[in-house]
Amino acid sequence: MTSVMSHEFQLATAETWPNPWPMYRALRDHDPVHHVVPPQRPEYDYYVLSRHADVWSAARDHQTFSSAQGLTVNYGELEMIGLHDTPPMVMQDPPAH
């Protein structure tokens, strides 16, 4: 994978949400492995991969890159929608996935 560069990208804002394509292009070009540290909850940091080869590599390596702990900062969302006992397939690792 490529190395992390230091650029500021706001992934979920009113400005980027309706038209994320320019931000996606900038991430691919300048920060393909983007580290996100939520200001209110820094313990829930995560990485955003924006290049196909990196995403493909991570998706095939569930030992290193797991989705089993969730895909959202608000882990209570699964309980709110009744999926805490049966998480969606995208949030499972082999052999359950």
Protein backbone atom coordinates (compact mmCIF):
# COMPACT_ATOMS: atom_id res chain seq x y z
CA MET A 1 0.00 0.00 0.00
CA THR A 2 0.98 3.59 -0.33
CA SER A 3 2.10 5.80 2.50
CA VAL A 4 -0.03 8.26 4.43
CA MET A 5 0.32 11.92 3.52
CA SER A 6 -0.85 14.82 5.63
CA HIS A 7 -3.78 16.62 3.99
CA GLU A 8 -7.00 17.89 5.47
CA PHE A 9 -10.14 16.28 4.05
CA GLN A 10 -13.56 16.53 5.62
CA LEU A 11 -15.29 13.29 4.66
CA ALA A 12 -18.80 13.78 6.01
CA THR A 13 -19.77 17.43 5.79
CA ALA A 14 -22.70 19.28 4.27
CA GLU A 15 -20.37 20.43 1.49
CA THR A 16 -18.84 17.07 0.56
CA TRP A 17 -21.80 14.74 1.15
CA PRO A 18 -23.93 15.79 -1.88
CA ASN A 19 -20.95 15.83 -4.29
CA PRO A 20 -18.03 13.76 -2.95
CA TRP A 21 -16.35 13.18 -6.34
CA PRO A 22 -13.84 16.08 -6.21
CA MET A 23 -12.81 15.01 -2.72
CA TYR A 24 -12.45 11.38 -3.84
CA ARG A 25 -10.21 12.47 -6.71
CA ALA A 26 -8.09 14.59 -4.34
CA LEU A 27 -7.79 11.67 -1.92
CA ARG A 28 -6.68 9.31 -4.69
CA ASP A 29 -4.18 11.85 -6.00
CA HIS A 30 -2.78 13.22 -2.73
CA ASP A 31 -3.74 11.05 0.26
CA PRO A 32 -4.68 7.52 -0.86
CA VAL A 33 -4.47 6.14 2.70
CA HIS A 34 -6.27 8.82 4.68
CA HIS A 35 -6.22 8.65 8.49
CA VAL A 36 -9.37 10.01 10.11
CA VAL A 37 -9.38 10.93 13.80
CA PRO A 38 -12.84 12.11 14.89
CA PRO A 39 -12.27 15.18 17.09
CA GLN A 40 -14.94 14.22 19.62
CA ARG A 41 -13.91 10.53 19.73
CA PRO A 42 -10.22 10.12 18.79
CA GLU A 43 -10.22 6.55 20.08
CA TYR A 44 -12.40 5.64 17.05
CA ASP A 45 -9.83 6.57 14.43
CA TYR A 46 -9.91 4.78 11.08
CA TYR A 47 -8.40 4.82 7.60
CA VAL A 48 -10.04 5.55 4.26
CA LEU A 49 -8.50 3.80 1.25
CA SER A 50 -9.23 5.50 -2.07
CA ARG A 51 -7.21 3.60 -4.67
CA HIS A 52 -8.57 0.43 -6.22
CA ALA A 53 -5.39 -1.59 -5.70
CA ASP A 54 -5.24 -0.67 -2.00
CA VAL A 55 -8.93 -1.45 -1.45
CA TRP A 56 -8.54 -4.78 -3.27
CA SER A 57 -5.49 -5.70 -1.22
CA ALA A 58 -7.16 -4.81 2.09
CA ALA A 59 -10.38 -6.62 1.18
CA ARG A 60 -8.45 -9.82 0.57
CA ASP A 61 -6.39 -9.61 3.80
CA HIS A 62 -8.90 -10.05 6.62
CA GLN A 63 -6.12 -10.93 9.08
CA THR A 64 -4.74 -7.38 8.89
CA PHE A 65 -7.81 -5.40 7.81
CA SER A 66 -10.95 -6.50 9.60
CA SER A 67 -14.49 -5.14 9.30
CA ALA A 68 -15.77 -7.31 12.13
CA GLN A 69 -15.54 -4.50 14.69
CA GLY A 70 -17.86 -2.33 12.62
CA LEU A 71 -17.82 0.23 9.88
CA THR A 72 -19.08 3.26 11.73
CA VAL A 73 -18.04 5.44 14.63
CA ASN A 74 -21.52 5.10 16.14
CA TYR A 75 -21.50 1.38 16.91
CA GLY A 76 -24.86 1.71 18.65
CA GLU A 77 -26.48 2.14 15.23
CA LEU A 78 -26.69 -1.63 14.76
CA GLU A 79 -28.65 -1.99 17.97
CA MET A 80 -30.97 0.85 16.98
CA ILE A 81 -31.91 -0.88 13.73
CA GLY A 82 -32.04 -4.39 15.20
CA LEU A 83 -28.89 -5.86 13.61
CA HIS A 84 -26.68 -6.31 16.66
CA ASP A 85 -27.22 -10.10 16.72
CA THR A 86 -26.80 -10.55 12.96
CA PRO A 87 -24.39 -7.98 11.52
CA PRO A 88 -24.49 -7.31 7.78
CA MET A 89 -22.14 -9.42 5.64
CA VAL A 90 -19.91 -6.42 4.95
CA MET A 91 -19.15 -6.31 8.70
CA GLN A 92 -18.04 -9.94 8.90
CA ASP A 93 -14.75 -11.70 8.27
CA PRO A 94 -14.28 -15.27 7.01
CA PRO A 95 -15.61 -17.82 7.62
CA ALA A 96 -18.90 -16.03 8.45
CA HIS A 97 -18.61 -13.73 5.43
